[in-house]
N, C-alpha and C. Protein backbone atom coordinates (compact mmCIF):
# COMPACT_ATOMS: atom_id res chain seq x y z
N MET A 1 94.77 49.65 15.54
CA MET A 1 93.38 49.40 15.32
C MET A 1 92.84 50.44 14.47
N ARG A 2 92.00 49.72 13.54
CA ARG A 2 91.20 50.73 12.72
C ARG A 2 89.78 50.72 12.72
N ILE A 3 89.26 52.52 12.60
CA ILE A 3 88.12 52.48 13.10
C ILE A 3 87.21 52.19 11.71
N ARG A 4 86.44 51.72 11.72
CA ARG A 4 85.41 51.19 10.41
C ARG A 4 84.16 52.15 10.94
N ALA A 5 83.59 52.97 9.70
CA ALA A 5 82.50 53.60 9.65
C ALA A 5 81.43 53.06 9.27
N ALA A 6 80.34 53.11 9.60
CA ALA A 6 79.06 52.10 8.99
C ALA A 6 78.14 53.04 8.75
N ILE A 7 77.70 52.92 7.73
CA ILE A 7 77.03 53.73 6.65
C ILE A 7 75.35 52.80 6.65
N VAL A 8 74.23 53.87 7.07
CA VAL A 8 72.69 52.86 7.12
C VAL A 8 71.90 53.30 6.55
N VAL A 9 71.69 52.65 5.35
CA VAL A 9 71.02 52.93 4.07
C VAL A 9 69.61 52.48 4.29
N PRO A 10 68.93 53.07 4.35
CA PRO A 10 67.15 52.92 4.88
C PRO A 10 66.98 51.73 3.57
N ALA A 11 65.89 50.89 3.57
CA ALA A 11 65.85 49.64 2.40
C ALA A 11 64.95 49.92 1.30
N ALA A 12 64.23 51.11 1.39
CA ALA A 12 64.14 51.32 0.16
C ALA A 12 65.00 52.38 -0.97
N SER A 13 65.33 52.84 -0.32
CA SER A 13 66.70 53.34 -0.92
C SER A 13 67.57 52.33 -1.47
N ALA A 14 68.20 51.74 -0.91
CA ALA A 14 69.05 50.50 -1.00
C ALA A 14 67.86 49.89 -2.15
N ALA A 15 67.13 49.23 -2.36
CA ALA A 15 66.51 48.73 -3.44
C ALA A 15 66.72 50.09 -4.35
N ALA A 16 66.08 50.95 -4.73
CA ALA A 16 66.24 52.00 -5.60
C ALA A 16 67.95 51.87 -6.31
N ALA A 17 68.77 52.08 -5.57
CA ALA A 17 70.09 52.09 -6.09
C ALA A 17 70.53 50.69 -6.65
N VAL A 18 70.04 49.79 -6.01
CA VAL A 18 70.13 48.44 -6.90
C VAL A 18 69.87 48.51 -8.08
N LEU A 19 68.24 48.84 -8.35
CA LEU A 19 67.18 48.96 -9.54
C LEU A 19 68.14 49.98 -10.53
N LEU A 20 68.50 50.80 -10.17
CA LEU A 20 69.41 51.91 -11.26
C LEU A 20 70.44 51.26 -11.61
N LEU A 21 71.61 50.38 -10.84
CA LEU A 21 72.88 50.09 -11.02
C LEU A 21 72.68 48.98 -12.07
N THR A 22 71.55 48.08 -12.10
CA THR A 22 71.21 47.10 -12.46
C THR A 22 70.39 46.93 -13.93
N ALA A 23 70.12 48.24 -14.03
CA ALA A 23 69.33 48.78 -15.50
C ALA A 23 70.27 48.82 -16.62
N PRO A 24 70.14 48.12 -17.95
CA PRO A 24 70.98 48.75 -18.98
C PRO A 24 71.20 50.18 -19.37
N GLN A 25 72.94 50.60 -19.25
CA GLN A 25 72.82 51.72 -19.01
C GLN A 25 72.15 52.79 -20.01
N SER A 26 71.77 52.25 -21.10
CA SER A 26 70.97 53.24 -22.06
C SER A 26 69.70 53.60 -21.24
N GLN A 27 69.27 52.63 -20.62
CA GLN A 27 67.94 52.74 -19.89
C GLN A 27 67.72 53.81 -18.46
N ALA A 28 69.72 53.54 -17.98
CA ALA A 28 69.73 54.61 -16.85
C ALA A 28 69.60 56.11 -17.06
N ALA A 29 70.84 55.96 -18.22
CA ALA A 29 71.46 57.43 -18.60
C ALA A 29 70.13 58.32 -19.21
N THR A 30 69.24 57.55 -19.80
CA THR A 30 68.40 58.56 -20.66
C THR A 30 66.87 58.37 -20.56
N ALA A 31 66.13 57.58 -19.57
CA ALA A 31 65.49 57.37 -19.33
C ALA A 31 63.99 58.25 -19.01
N HIS A 32 64.96 59.74 -18.70
CA HIS A 32 64.21 60.64 -18.57
C HIS A 32 64.60 61.65 -19.67
N ALA A 33 65.45 61.80 -20.46
CA ALA A 33 66.23 62.50 -21.15
C ALA A 33 65.56 62.57 -22.66
N GLN A 34 64.79 61.79 -23.31
CA GLN A 34 63.92 61.74 -23.97
C GLN A 34 62.87 62.63 -24.73
N PRO A 35 63.14 63.45 -25.41
CA PRO A 35 62.30 64.43 -25.45
C PRO A 35 60.63 63.98 -26.22
N VAL A 36 59.63 64.81 -26.22
CA VAL A 36 58.15 64.00 -26.78
C VAL A 36 58.15 64.73 -28.18
N ARG A 37 57.19 63.86 -28.67
CA ARG A 37 57.05 64.41 -30.23
C ARG A 37 56.75 65.71 -30.40
N CYS A 38 56.74 66.39 -31.18
CA CYS A 38 56.29 67.66 -31.16
C CYS A 38 54.95 68.14 -31.52
N ALA A 39 54.31 68.75 -30.72
CA ALA A 39 52.70 68.97 -31.02
C ALA A 39 53.17 69.91 -32.38
N GLU A 40 52.01 69.49 -33.54
CA GLU A 40 51.86 70.31 -35.00
C GLU A 40 51.51 71.77 -34.37
N LYS A 41 50.91 72.37 -33.36
CA LYS A 41 50.35 73.44 -33.25
C LYS A 41 51.96 74.24 -32.46
N SER A 42 53.10 73.70 -32.16
CA SER A 42 54.19 74.61 -31.75
C SER A 42 55.44 74.43 -32.45
N LEU A 43 54.94 74.01 -33.95
CA LEU A 43 55.91 74.11 -35.22
C LEU A 43 55.34 74.97 -36.32
N THR A 44 55.94 75.79 -36.74
CA THR A 44 55.81 76.48 -37.89
C THR A 44 56.58 75.94 -39.13
N VAL A 45 56.11 75.86 -40.15
CA VAL A 45 56.45 74.91 -41.35
C VAL A 45 56.86 76.28 -42.76
N ARG A 46 57.80 76.17 -43.04
CA ARG A 46 57.70 76.96 -44.18
C ARG A 46 58.30 76.31 -45.48
N ALA A 47 58.45 76.80 -46.97
CA ALA A 47 58.83 76.29 -47.86
C ALA A 47 58.75 77.57 -48.84
N LYS A 48 59.93 77.40 -49.85
CA LYS A 48 60.13 78.21 -51.16
C LYS A 48 60.74 77.60 -52.38
N ALA A 49 60.82 78.02 -53.57
CA ALA A 49 61.90 77.37 -54.36
C ALA A 49 63.02 77.90 -54.22
N ALA A 50 64.34 76.91 -54.31
CA ALA A 50 65.57 77.56 -54.25
C ALA A 50 65.72 78.77 -55.74
N ALA A 51 66.53 80.01 -55.06
CA ALA A 51 66.86 80.44 -56.27
C ALA A 51 67.62 79.76 -57.07
N GLY A 52 67.48 79.94 -58.33
CA GLY A 52 68.09 79.57 -59.86
C GLY A 52 67.68 77.94 -60.07
N ASP A 53 67.17 77.23 -59.39
CA ASP A 53 66.48 76.18 -59.48
C ASP A 53 65.24 75.80 -58.83
N PRO A 54 64.36 75.96 -59.63
CA PRO A 54 62.79 75.87 -59.17
C PRO A 54 62.16 74.64 -58.94
N ALA A 55 63.01 73.76 -59.42
CA ALA A 55 62.85 72.25 -59.21
C ALA A 55 63.27 71.71 -57.91
N VAL A 56 63.72 72.58 -57.08
CA VAL A 56 64.11 72.16 -55.43
C VAL A 56 63.37 73.00 -54.92
N VAL A 57 62.64 72.81 -53.70
CA VAL A 57 61.96 73.47 -53.09
C VAL A 57 62.81 73.21 -51.72
N ARG A 58 63.23 74.28 -50.85
CA ARG A 58 63.86 74.19 -49.51
C ARG A 58 62.74 74.77 -48.18
N VAL A 59 62.35 73.59 -47.30
CA VAL A 59 61.55 73.53 -46.38
C VAL A 59 62.11 73.77 -44.95
N GLY A 60 61.65 74.33 -44.07
CA GLY A 60 61.98 74.52 -42.69
C GLY A 60 61.02 74.34 -41.72
N VAL A 61 61.36 73.99 -40.44
CA VAL A 61 60.56 73.56 -39.46
C VAL A 61 60.93 74.10 -38.34
N THR A 62 60.65 74.88 -37.57
CA THR A 62 61.08 76.03 -36.16
C THR A 62 60.16 75.01 -35.14
N ASN A 63 60.90 75.01 -34.29
CA ASN A 63 60.03 74.82 -33.00
C ASN A 63 59.73 75.77 -31.68
N ARG A 64 58.66 76.43 -32.25
CA ARG A 64 58.12 77.64 -31.28
C ARG A 64 57.67 77.05 -29.80
N GLY A 65 58.20 75.99 -29.33
CA GLY A 65 57.60 75.60 -28.08
C GLY A 65 58.58 75.60 -26.87
N ALA A 66 58.44 76.00 -25.86
CA ALA A 66 59.52 75.95 -24.59
C ALA A 66 60.30 74.73 -24.61
N ARG A 67 60.01 73.50 -25.03
CA ARG A 67 61.08 72.45 -24.81
C ARG A 67 61.15 71.77 -25.58
N ALA A 68 62.62 71.03 -25.99
CA ALA A 68 63.10 70.30 -27.23
C ALA A 68 61.96 68.88 -27.15
N CYS A 69 61.79 68.90 -28.41
CA CYS A 69 60.64 67.58 -29.04
C CYS A 69 61.08 67.14 -30.31
N VAL A 70 60.59 66.34 -30.91
CA VAL A 70 61.18 65.05 -31.98
C VAL A 70 60.50 65.59 -33.21
N VAL A 71 60.81 65.64 -34.29
CA VAL A 71 59.85 65.19 -35.65
C VAL A 71 60.33 64.19 -36.39
N ASP A 72 59.56 63.83 -37.13
CA ASP A 72 60.44 62.58 -37.94
C ASP A 72 61.43 62.75 -38.57
N ARG A 73 62.45 61.90 -38.61
CA ARG A 73 63.90 62.43 -39.31
C ARG A 73 63.76 63.44 -40.51
N VAL A 74 62.78 62.51 -41.53
CA VAL A 74 62.75 63.01 -42.93
C VAL A 74 61.20 63.67 -43.05
N PRO A 75 61.21 65.06 -43.57
CA PRO A 75 59.53 65.50 -43.60
C PRO A 75 58.64 65.06 -44.59
N THR A 76 57.79 65.18 -44.36
CA THR A 76 56.62 64.50 -45.51
C THR A 76 55.85 65.14 -46.38
N VAL A 77 56.41 65.29 -47.80
CA VAL A 77 56.41 66.03 -48.66
C VAL A 77 55.43 65.46 -49.55
N THR A 78 54.21 66.09 -49.82
CA THR A 78 53.31 65.55 -50.98
C THR A 78 52.62 66.34 -51.89
N PHE A 79 52.36 66.02 -53.28
CA PHE A 79 52.00 66.88 -54.39
C PHE A 79 50.66 67.00 -54.47
N GLY A 80 49.94 67.95 -54.42
CA GLY A 80 48.35 67.84 -55.30
C GLY A 80 47.57 66.96 -54.84
N ASP A 81 47.18 66.20 -55.40
CA ASP A 81 46.40 65.07 -55.39
C ASP A 81 46.95 63.98 -56.23
N LEU A 82 48.26 63.88 -55.80
CA LEU A 82 48.78 62.64 -56.56
C LEU A 82 49.19 61.65 -55.52
N ASP A 83 49.44 60.39 -55.57
CA ASP A 83 49.70 59.68 -54.61
C ASP A 83 51.25 59.32 -54.09
N GLY A 84 51.10 59.05 -52.75
CA GLY A 84 52.46 59.04 -52.17
C GLY A 84 53.09 60.34 -51.65
N ALA A 85 54.39 60.08 -51.32
CA ALA A 85 55.49 61.53 -50.72
C ALA A 85 56.52 61.03 -51.59
N ALA A 86 57.57 62.30 -51.46
CA ALA A 86 59.08 62.19 -51.94
C ALA A 86 59.44 61.18 -50.95
N LEU A 87 60.64 60.44 -51.66
CA LEU A 87 61.44 59.50 -51.05
C LEU A 87 62.68 59.94 -50.36
N PRO A 88 63.19 59.56 -49.18
CA PRO A 88 64.20 60.07 -48.59
C PRO A 88 65.50 59.96 -49.58
N THR A 89 66.34 61.17 -49.23
CA THR A 89 67.66 60.83 -49.97
C THR A 89 68.61 61.23 -48.99
N PRO A 90 69.54 60.50 -48.28
CA PRO A 90 69.47 59.28 -48.26
C PRO A 90 68.63 58.28 -48.03
N GLN A 91 68.63 56.98 -48.60
CA GLN A 91 67.37 55.91 -48.08
C GLN A 91 67.60 56.06 -46.18
N GLY A 92 66.40 55.53 -45.84
CA GLY A 92 66.36 54.66 -45.04
C GLY A 92 66.42 56.10 -43.58
N GLY A 93 65.47 56.39 -43.79
CA GLY A 93 64.88 57.74 -42.92
C GLY A 93 64.21 57.41 -41.84
N ALA A 94 63.98 56.31 -41.37
CA ALA A 94 63.27 55.83 -40.28
C ALA A 94 63.59 56.73 -38.90
N GLY A 95 63.15 57.23 -38.27
CA GLY A 95 63.71 57.69 -36.91
C GLY A 95 63.23 59.26 -36.42
N THR A 96 63.93 60.01 -35.71
CA THR A 96 63.20 61.18 -35.12
C THR A 96 64.82 62.12 -35.21
N TYR A 97 64.14 63.52 -35.46
CA TYR A 97 65.27 64.40 -35.08
C TYR A 97 64.78 65.22 -33.98
N ARG A 98 65.77 65.89 -33.41
CA ARG A 98 65.11 66.32 -32.26
C ARG A 98 65.77 67.96 -32.49
N LEU A 99 64.77 68.71 -32.68
CA LEU A 99 64.28 70.59 -32.22
C LEU A 99 64.50 70.78 -30.96
N ALA A 100 65.56 71.53 -30.63
CA ALA A 100 65.59 72.26 -29.19
C ALA A 100 64.85 73.62 -29.56
N PRO A 101 63.90 74.22 -28.42
CA PRO A 101 63.43 75.27 -28.48
C PRO A 101 63.81 76.52 -29.20
N GLY A 102 63.03 77.18 -30.42
CA GLY A 102 63.33 77.93 -31.17
C GLY A 102 63.96 77.46 -32.24
N ARG A 103 64.80 76.32 -32.20
CA ARG A 103 65.96 76.03 -33.62
C ARG A 103 64.70 75.62 -34.82
N THR A 104 65.68 75.72 -35.86
CA THR A 104 64.70 75.28 -36.98
C THR A 104 65.78 74.25 -37.93
N ALA A 105 65.17 73.00 -38.19
CA ALA A 105 65.87 72.22 -39.23
C ALA A 105 65.18 72.67 -40.42
N TYR A 106 66.08 72.15 -41.54
CA TYR A 106 66.05 72.19 -42.84
C TYR A 106 66.19 71.10 -43.83
N ALA A 107 65.85 71.27 -44.86
CA ALA A 107 65.16 70.09 -45.94
C ALA A 107 65.16 70.54 -47.29
N ASP A 108 65.74 70.11 -48.24
CA ASP A 108 65.56 70.22 -49.82
C ASP A 108 64.61 69.49 -50.26
N VAL A 109 64.05 69.24 -51.04
CA VAL A 109 63.47 68.44 -51.86
C VAL A 109 63.45 69.00 -53.43
N ARG A 110 63.62 67.83 -54.23
CA ARG A 110 64.02 67.85 -55.49
C ARG A 110 62.42 66.97 -55.90
N THR A 111 61.86 68.26 -56.84
CA THR A 111 60.58 67.58 -56.89
C THR A 111 60.44 66.98 -58.42
N ILE A 112 61.62 67.26 -59.31
CA ILE A 112 61.95 66.40 -60.65
C ILE A 112 63.15 66.66 -61.08
N GLY A 113 63.62 65.48 -61.64
CA GLY A 113 65.05 65.37 -61.80
C GLY A 113 65.27 66.67 -63.41
N ASP A 114 64.42 66.57 -64.18
CA ASP A 114 64.74 66.99 -65.45
C ASP A 114 63.11 67.66 -65.84
N PRO A 115 62.72 69.21 -65.38
CA PRO A 115 61.30 69.21 -66.04
C PRO A 115 61.06 69.21 -67.29
N ALA A 116 61.61 69.08 -68.25
CA ALA A 116 61.24 68.60 -69.73
C ALA A 116 60.63 67.29 -69.78
N ASP A 117 61.05 66.39 -68.61
CA ASP A 117 60.42 65.45 -68.55
C ASP A 117 59.05 64.79 -69.40
N PRO A 118 58.75 64.37 -70.42
CA PRO A 118 57.58 64.14 -70.58
C PRO A 118 56.42 63.26 -69.80
N GLU A 119 57.06 62.74 -69.04
CA GLU A 119 56.59 61.95 -67.57
C GLU A 119 55.87 62.56 -66.87
N ALA A 120 56.48 64.11 -66.26
CA ALA A 120 56.16 64.47 -65.45
C ALA A 120 54.72 64.96 -65.26
N ARG A 121 54.36 65.52 -63.80
CA ARG A 121 53.05 65.51 -63.62
C ARG A 121 52.93 67.13 -63.01
N ARG A 122 52.04 68.13 -62.98
CA ARG A 122 52.23 68.87 -62.55
C ARG A 122 50.89 69.47 -61.51
N VAL A 123 51.41 69.75 -60.68
CA VAL A 123 50.17 70.45 -59.56
C VAL A 123 50.36 71.45 -59.24
N ASP A 124 49.41 71.61 -58.14
CA ASP A 124 48.85 73.01 -57.86
C ASP A 124 49.65 73.78 -56.27
N THR A 125 49.34 72.65 -55.96
CA THR A 125 50.02 72.81 -54.11
C THR A 125 51.14 71.70 -53.77
N VAL A 126 51.94 71.80 -52.96
CA VAL A 126 52.67 70.77 -52.10
C VAL A 126 52.37 70.90 -50.63
N THR A 127 52.43 69.82 -50.37
CA THR A 127 52.15 70.12 -48.60
C THR A 127 53.57 69.18 -48.08
N VAL A 128 53.94 70.18 -46.74
CA VAL A 128 55.23 69.81 -46.18
C VAL A 128 54.42 69.54 -44.72
N ALA A 129 54.92 68.44 -43.93
CA ALA A 129 54.70 68.08 -42.38
C ALA A 129 55.66 67.65 -42.33
N ALA A 130 56.05 68.05 -40.89
CA ALA A 130 57.39 67.68 -40.07
C ALA A 130 57.38 66.32 -39.19
N SER A 131 56.20 65.52 -39.36
CA SER A 131 55.93 64.40 -39.19
C SER A 131 54.62 63.68 -40.09
N ALA A 132 54.85 62.69 -40.24
CA ALA A 132 53.49 61.87 -40.99
C ALA A 132 52.58 61.80 -40.09
N ALA A 133 52.40 61.88 -39.00
CA ALA A 133 50.69 62.12 -37.96
C ALA A 133 50.51 63.79 -38.20
N HIS A 134 50.79 64.44 -38.65
CA HIS A 134 50.90 65.84 -38.64
C HIS A 134 50.60 65.94 -40.21
N ARG A 135 48.95 67.17 -40.10
CA ARG A 135 48.42 67.38 -41.27
C ARG A 135 49.24 68.24 -42.58
N GLY A 136 50.27 68.98 -41.86
CA GLY A 136 50.95 69.91 -42.75
C GLY A 136 50.50 70.95 -43.40
N ARG A 137 51.34 71.89 -43.74
CA ARG A 137 50.65 73.18 -44.16
C ARG A 137 50.78 72.94 -46.01
N ALA A 138 50.01 73.54 -46.29
CA ALA A 138 50.01 73.36 -48.02
C ALA A 138 50.57 74.41 -48.71
N PHE A 139 51.21 74.37 -49.49
CA PHE A 139 51.47 76.12 -50.33
C PHE A 139 51.60 75.67 -51.62
N THR A 140 51.10 77.12 -52.13
CA THR A 140 50.61 77.17 -53.93
C THR A 140 51.67 77.20 -54.33
N ALA A 141 52.03 76.77 -55.83
CA ALA A 141 53.13 77.43 -56.46
C ALA A 141 53.28 78.53 -56.51
N ALA A 142 52.22 79.28 -56.82
CA ALA A 142 52.63 80.72 -56.53
C ALA A 142 53.40 81.12 -55.34
N HIS A 143 53.35 80.33 -54.25
CA HIS A 143 53.72 81.01 -53.35
C HIS A 143 55.27 80.31 -53.06
N LEU A 144 55.33 79.13 -53.63
CA LEU A 144 56.82 78.79 -53.80
C LEU A 144 58.23 79.12 -54.33
N GLY A 145 57.19 79.95 -55.44
CA GLY A 145 57.54 80.75 -56.60
C GLY A 145 58.07 79.68 -57.64
N THR A 146 57.30 78.95 -57.99
CA THR A 146 57.54 77.90 -59.27
C THR A 146 56.91 78.12 -60.52
N GLY A 147 56.42 79.14 -60.38
CA GLY A 147 55.23 79.25 -61.55
C GLY A 147 53.51 79.02 -61.26
N ARG A 148 53.27 78.92 -62.29
CA ARG A 148 51.71 78.63 -61.85
C ARG A 148 51.68 76.84 -61.25
N GLN A 149 52.64 76.00 -61.65
CA GLN A 149 52.50 75.12 -60.95
C GLN A 149 53.55 74.35 -60.76
N VAL A 150 53.86 73.25 -60.03
CA VAL A 150 55.45 72.54 -59.83
C VAL A 150 55.08 71.50 -60.49
N PRO A 151 56.24 71.14 -61.00
CA PRO A 151 56.39 69.78 -61.89
C PRO A 151 56.95 68.81 -60.81
N VAL A 152 56.84 67.40 -61.11
CA VAL A 152 56.85 66.43 -60.01
C VAL A 152 56.70 65.37 -61.09
N TRP A 153 58.16 64.41 -60.73
CA TRP A 153 58.33 62.94 -61.03
C TRP A 153 59.45 63.00 -60.34
N GLU A 154 59.12 61.72 -59.69
CA GLU A 154 60.60 61.04 -58.60
C GLU A 154 60.75 61.60 -57.99
N PRO A 155 60.29 62.62 -56.84
CA PRO A 155 60.55 63.43 -56.19
C PRO A 155 61.00 62.76 -54.96
N VAL A 156 62.33 63.49 -54.58
CA VAL A 156 62.88 63.23 -53.17
C VAL A 156 63.04 64.16 -52.25
N THR A 157 63.34 63.83 -51.00
CA THR A 157 63.67 64.82 -50.11
C THR A 157 65.05 64.67 -49.10
N THR A 158 65.57 65.76 -48.50
CA THR A 158 67.03 65.10 -47.72
C THR A 158 66.15 64.80 -46.02
N TRP A 159 66.77 64.18 -45.20
CA TRP A 159 66.52 64.73 -43.80
C TRP A 159 66.64 65.52 -43.60
N TRP A 160 66.17 65.96 -42.14
CA TRP A 160 66.72 67.13 -41.83
C TRP A 160 67.77 67.66 -41.22
N GLN A 161 68.19 68.82 -41.83
CA GLN A 161 69.43 68.70 -41.19
C GLN A 161 70.05 70.20 -40.41
N PRO A 162 70.78 70.67 -40.12
CA PRO A 162 71.09 71.97 -39.31
C PRO A 162 70.78 73.50 -39.85
N THR A 163 71.38 73.12 -41.09
CA THR A 163 71.47 74.19 -42.10
C THR A 163 70.92 73.81 -43.52
N THR A 164 70.93 75.30 -44.04
CA THR A 164 70.09 75.13 -45.48
C THR A 164 71.58 74.93 -46.39
N ALA A 165 73.05 74.70 -45.71
CA ALA A 165 73.94 74.74 -46.73
C ALA A 165 73.85 72.95 -46.57
N ALA A 166 74.12 72.32 -45.59
CA ALA A 166 73.87 70.83 -45.12
C ALA A 166 72.78 70.35 -45.98
N ALA A 167 71.79 70.89 -46.33
CA ALA A 167 70.58 70.16 -47.05
C ALA A 167 71.02 70.48 -48.38
N ASP A 168 71.31 71.57 -49.13
CA ASP A 168 71.90 71.73 -50.23
C ASP A 168 72.80 70.78 -50.73
N ARG A 169 73.94 70.21 -49.76
CA ARG A 169 74.89 69.30 -50.18
C ARG A 169 74.40 68.16 -50.61
N THR A 170 73.25 67.83 -49.48
CA THR A 170 72.75 66.70 -49.42
C THR A 170 72.06 65.73 -50.91
N ILE A 171 71.03 67.03 -51.17
CA ILE A 171 70.59 67.21 -52.33
C ILE A 171 71.38 67.15 -53.46
N GLY A 172 72.72 67.92 -53.71
CA GLY A 172 73.49 67.85 -54.72
C GLY A 172 73.32 69.66 -55.12
N LEU A 173 73.17 70.37 -54.24
CA LEU A 173 73.06 71.89 -54.73
C LEU A 173 74.48 72.46 -54.35
N SER A 174 75.05 73.32 -55.55
CA SER A 174 76.02 74.19 -54.72
C SER A 174 76.14 75.36 -54.63
N ARG A 175 76.31 76.54 -53.78
CA ARG A 175 76.09 77.43 -53.42
C ARG A 175 77.46 78.38 -53.97
């Protein structure tokens, strides 16, 4: 003769288990794992012209908060009083980038393909924001190390990358 063990589960617990088991796997596994958007005050944004190529500005964002958070996949980079922002390269920059506490993400911005281009505009400041909803931080041309002004024509920016080397490769800089 076999002995059967009976397990008694309270009705509330059973209902919760059924809901968890019937939820789509992505929701069940990640419902509580999604980081929140980074608060601008918990981020440090930096920018400096690349050595040897003043048409490339290296930018970084560091999460000074105690928890992981997300920023836009592509930094928002604007130029003085010109309309528009640098376009993402590669295209399709919608989405987010996760920043762990104390970690930094990097991106490169090519402000102009040919500084001698007669179509080029010149600006005194470049503003970098980790997310489009943030005001960002303005950097003067002198701070960036590009001279008195920054030349701009059809600017592009990389997605956030885990290293400066990865950002450099994406924009086409060799080290």
